[in-house]
Amino acid sequence: FLEEHNWPEVSKKCREQVVSVRDQFLELLNISSPLCPDSWLGQMASIPLPIKDADAFKKKLLEIYQIQVPVFQWECNEYLRYSIQAYNSNSDLDKLLSAVKELLS
């Protein structure tokens, strides 16, 4: 399956999307430096959010936008973690960015 579907290229594309979306989140949230360098990212990234209630934010993402992603507290900070797989589209990622922007405004 992996050879037949050129999985190294699929994985590379997913990683590139993770970095691109991470950079868009950093710009949206006015964060000057990422949590880690690009080379540390695979197909998943965590973004710090300026919120106080991770569970409430996660619930709103699901109820309002039908987006289900982990939103959690770690070391007194709130984070959203997203991952990208072969089946995710750019419109999925745009929807996530837009939903976070709307909920934070």
Protein backbone atom coordinates (compact mmCIF):
# COMPACT_ATOMS: atom_id res chain seq x y z
CA PHE A 1 0.00 0.00 0.00
CA LEU A 2 2.71 2.47 0.98
CA GLU A 3 4.74 1.86 -2.17
CA GLU A 4 1.65 1.85 -4.37
CA HIS A 5 0.53 5.24 -3.03
CA ASN A 6 3.99 6.84 -2.86
CA TRP A 7 3.73 7.30 0.89
CA PRO A 8 7.02 9.18 1.33
CA GLU A 9 5.64 11.91 -0.94
CA VAL A 10 2.24 11.89 0.82
CA SER A 11 3.94 12.19 4.19
CA LYS A 12 6.18 15.01 2.92
CA LYS A 13 3.14 16.94 1.65
CA CYS A 14 1.35 16.49 4.99
CA ARG A 15 4.40 17.74 6.88
CA GLU A 16 4.64 20.79 4.61
CA GLN A 17 0.97 21.54 5.34
CA VAL A 18 1.58 21.18 9.09
CA VAL A 19 4.37 23.77 8.91
CA SER A 20 2.33 26.11 6.71
CA VAL A 21 -0.71 25.97 9.00
CA ARG A 22 1.48 26.36 12.07
CA ASP A 23 2.95 29.53 10.52
CA GLN A 24 -0.55 30.83 9.77
CA PHE A 25 -1.56 30.20 13.38
CA LEU A 26 1.54 32.02 14.62
CA GLU A 27 0.66 35.03 12.46
CA LEU A 28 -3.01 34.94 13.53
CA LEU A 29 -2.06 34.79 17.20
CA ASN A 30 0.83 37.26 16.88
CA ILE A 31 3.33 34.73 18.20
CA SER A 32 6.88 35.63 17.21
CA SER A 33 8.52 32.24 17.55
CA PRO A 34 7.24 28.68 17.21
CA LEU A 35 7.36 26.12 20.02
CA CYS A 36 9.88 24.10 18.04
CA PRO A 37 11.84 24.27 14.79
CA ASP A 38 10.24 23.05 11.57
CA SER A 39 12.55 20.03 11.52
CA TRP A 40 10.94 18.71 14.72
CA LEU A 41 7.47 18.58 13.18
CA GLY A 42 5.98 15.53 11.57
CA GLN A 43 2.31 15.44 10.68
CA MET A 44 1.18 17.10 13.93
CA ALA A 45 1.72 20.41 15.72
CA SER A 46 0.52 22.14 18.88
CA ILE A 47 -0.41 25.81 19.02
CA PRO A 48 -0.67 27.85 22.25
CA LEU A 49 -4.04 29.55 22.54
CA PRO A 50 -4.92 32.68 24.54
CA ILE A 51 -7.87 31.04 26.28
CA LYS A 52 -8.67 30.08 29.86
CA ASP A 53 -10.93 27.05 29.36
CA ALA A 54 -9.63 24.38 26.98
CA ASP A 55 -12.68 22.15 27.40
CA ALA A 56 -15.12 24.96 26.56
CA PHE A 57 -13.10 25.95 23.49
CA LYS A 58 -12.95 22.35 22.30
CA LYS A 59 -16.70 21.98 22.81
CA LYS A 60 -17.42 25.13 20.77
CA LEU A 61 -15.20 23.92 17.92
CA LEU A 62 -17.17 20.70 17.79
CA GLU A 63 -20.67 22.10 18.30
CA ILE A 64 -20.43 25.18 16.09
CA TYR A 65 -17.96 24.10 13.40
CA GLN A 66 -18.00 20.27 13.60
CA ILE A 67 -14.24 20.32 14.15
CA GLN A 68 -12.83 17.77 16.55
CA VAL A 69 -9.25 18.39 17.65
CA PRO A 70 -7.52 18.08 20.99
CA VAL A 71 -7.55 21.29 23.04
CA PHE A 72 -5.85 20.85 26.38
CA GLN A 73 -3.98 22.45 29.25
CA TRP A 74 -0.31 21.68 29.77
CA GLU A 75 1.95 23.42 32.27
CA CYS A 76 -0.59 26.21 32.87
CA ASN A 77 -1.05 26.96 29.16
CA GLU A 78 -3.79 25.99 26.72
CA TYR A 79 -2.98 24.33 23.41
CA LEU A 80 -4.72 23.17 20.28
CA ARG A 81 -3.14 20.19 18.56
CA TYR A 82 -3.89 19.39 14.95
CA SER A 83 -2.66 16.67 12.68
CA ILE A 84 -2.75 16.29 8.94
CA GLN A 85 -3.26 13.04 7.11
CA ALA A 86 -3.58 12.16 3.43
CA TYR A 87 -7.36 12.67 3.52
CA ASN A 88 -7.22 16.24 4.86
CA SER A 89 -7.82 19.03 2.36
CA ASN A 90 -6.78 22.66 2.31
CA SER A 91 -10.41 23.56 2.96
CA ASP A 92 -10.28 21.51 6.20
CA LEU A 93 -7.30 23.56 7.32
CA ASP A 94 -8.86 26.85 6.26
CA LYS A 95 -11.98 25.92 8.23
CA LEU A 96 -9.91 25.24 11.35
CA LEU A 97 -8.02 28.53 11.07
CA SER A 98 -11.22 30.46 10.44
CA ALA A 99 -13.04 28.82 13.34
CA VAL A 100 -10.21 29.57 15.79
CA LYS A 101 -10.07 33.17 14.57
CA GLU A 102 -13.83 33.60 15.01
CA LEU A 103 -13.86 32.04 18.48
CA LEU A 104 -10.99 34.25 19.64
CA SER A 105 -12.49 37.49 18.37
